[in-house]
Amino acid sequence: ADAGYTPAAPAATGAGGDAT
């Protein structure tokens, strides 16, 4: 759910992606 963060796994946090 981090705004502006583009991870490779969007399902990790739902809206953010990666757990980092």
PDB file of N, CA and C in Angstrom:
ATOM      1  N   ALA A   1       0.829  -1.216   0.000  1.00  0.00           N
ATOM      2  CA  ALA A   1       0.000   0.000   0.000  1.00  0.00           C
ATOM      3  C   ALA A   1       0.855   1.254   0.000  1.00  0.00           C
ATOM      4  N   ASP A   2       2.031   1.123  -0.554  1.00  0.00           N
ATOM      5  CA  ASP A   2       2.919   2.284  -0.622  1.00  0.00           C
ATOM      6  C   ASP A   2       2.693   3.058  -1.913  1.00  0.00           C
ATOM      7  N   ALA A   3       2.249   4.290  -1.776  1.00  0.00           N
ATOM      8  CA  ALA A   3       1.961   5.111  -2.955  1.00  0.00           C
ATOM      9  C   ALA A   3       3.251   5.448  -3.706  1.00  0.00           C
ATOM     10  N   GLY A   4       3.246   5.208  -5.004  1.00  0.00           N
ATOM     11  CA  GLY A   4       4.409   5.504  -5.818  1.00  0.00           C
ATOM     12  C   GLY A   4       5.364   4.339  -5.922  1.00  0.00           C
ATOM     13  N   TYR A   5       5.039   3.256  -5.207  1.00  0.00           N
ATOM     14  CA  TYR A   5       5.905   2.080  -5.244  1.00  0.00           C
ATOM     15  C   TYR A   5       5.417   1.081  -6.275  1.00  0.00           C
ATOM     16  N   THR A   6       6.307   0.679  -7.187  1.00  0.00           N
ATOM     17  CA  THR A   6       5.923  -0.267  -8.228  1.00  0.00           C
ATOM     18  C   THR A   6       6.714  -1.561  -8.106  1.00  0.00           C
ATOM     19  N   PRO A   7       6.166  -2.530  -7.384  1.00  0.00           N
ATOM     20  CA  PRO A   7       6.829  -3.814  -7.151  1.00  0.00           C
ATOM     21  C   PRO A   7       6.523  -4.841  -8.229  1.00  0.00           C
ATOM     22  N   ALA A   8       7.067  -6.031  -8.054  1.00  0.00           N
ATOM     23  CA  ALA A   8       6.825  -7.081  -9.036  1.00  0.00           C
ATOM     24  C   ALA A   8       5.688  -7.986  -8.587  1.00  0.00           C
ATOM     25  N   ALA A   9       5.311  -7.866  -7.329  1.00  0.00           N
ATOM     26  CA  ALA A   9       4.220  -8.691  -6.798  1.00  0.00           C
ATOM     27  C   ALA A   9       3.154  -7.826  -6.124  1.00  0.00           C
ATOM     28  N   PRO A  10       2.209  -7.310  -6.895  1.00  0.00           N
ATOM     29  CA  PRO A  10       1.161  -6.413  -6.407  1.00  0.00           C
ATOM     30  C   PRO A  10       0.204  -7.085  -5.423  1.00  0.00           C
ATOM     31  N   ALA A  11       0.311  -8.393  -5.291  1.00  0.00           N
ATOM     32  CA  ALA A  11      -0.619  -9.111  -4.430  1.00  0.00           C
ATOM     33  C   ALA A  11      -0.069  -9.248  -3.003  1.00  0.00           C
ATOM     34  N   ALA A  12       1.174  -8.835  -2.807  1.00  0.00           N
ATOM     35  CA  ALA A  12       1.827  -8.994  -1.515  1.00  0.00           C
ATOM     36  C   ALA A  12       1.127  -8.183  -0.436  1.00  0.00           C
ATOM     37  N   THR A  13       0.841  -6.908  -0.735  1.00  0.00           N
ATOM     38  CA  THR A  13       0.171  -6.069   0.257  1.00  0.00           C
ATOM     39  C   THR A  13      -1.217  -5.650  -0.216  1.00  0.00           C
ATOM     40  N   GLY A  14      -1.533  -5.981  -1.454  1.00  0.00           N
ATOM     41  CA  GLY A  14      -2.843  -5.639  -1.993  1.00  0.00           C
ATOM     42  C   GLY A  14      -2.763  -4.414  -2.876  1.00  0.00           C
ATOM     43  N   ALA A  15      -2.548  -3.256  -2.255  1.00  0.00           N
ATOM     44  CA  ALA A  15      -2.496  -2.021  -3.024  1.00  0.00           C
ATOM     45  C   ALA A  15      -1.050  -1.597  -3.287  1.00  0.00           C
ATOM     46  N   GLY A  16      -0.177  -1.961  -2.356  1.00  0.00           N
ATOM     47  CA  GLY A  16       1.223  -1.556  -2.492  1.00  0.00           C
ATOM     48  C   GLY A  16       2.007  -2.533  -3.337  1.00  0.00           C
ATOM     49  N   GLY A  17       1.884  -3.801  -3.013  1.00  0.00           N
ATOM     50  CA  GLY A  17       2.588  -4.821  -3.774  1.00  0.00           C
ATOM     51  C   GLY A  17       3.535  -5.598  -2.893  1.00  0.00           C
ATOM     52  N   ASP A  18       4.810  -5.246  -2.961  1.00  0.00           N
ATOM     53  CA  ASP A  18       5.807  -5.939  -2.157  1.00  0.00           C
ATOM     54  C   ASP A  18       5.701  -5.536  -0.694  1.00  0.00           C
ATOM     55  N   ALA A  19       6.156  -6.411   0.157  1.00  0.00           N
ATOM     56  CA  ALA A  19       6.050  -6.159   1.593  1.00  0.00           C
ATOM     57  C   ALA A  19       6.959  -5.014   2.031  1.00  0.00           C
ATOM     58  N   THR A  20       7.962  -4.718   1.226  1.00  0.00           N
ATOM     59  CA  THR A  20       8.892  -3.650   1.565  1.00  0.00           C
ATOM     60  C   THR A  20       8.226  -2.306   1.305  1.00  0.00           C
TER      61      THR A  20
END
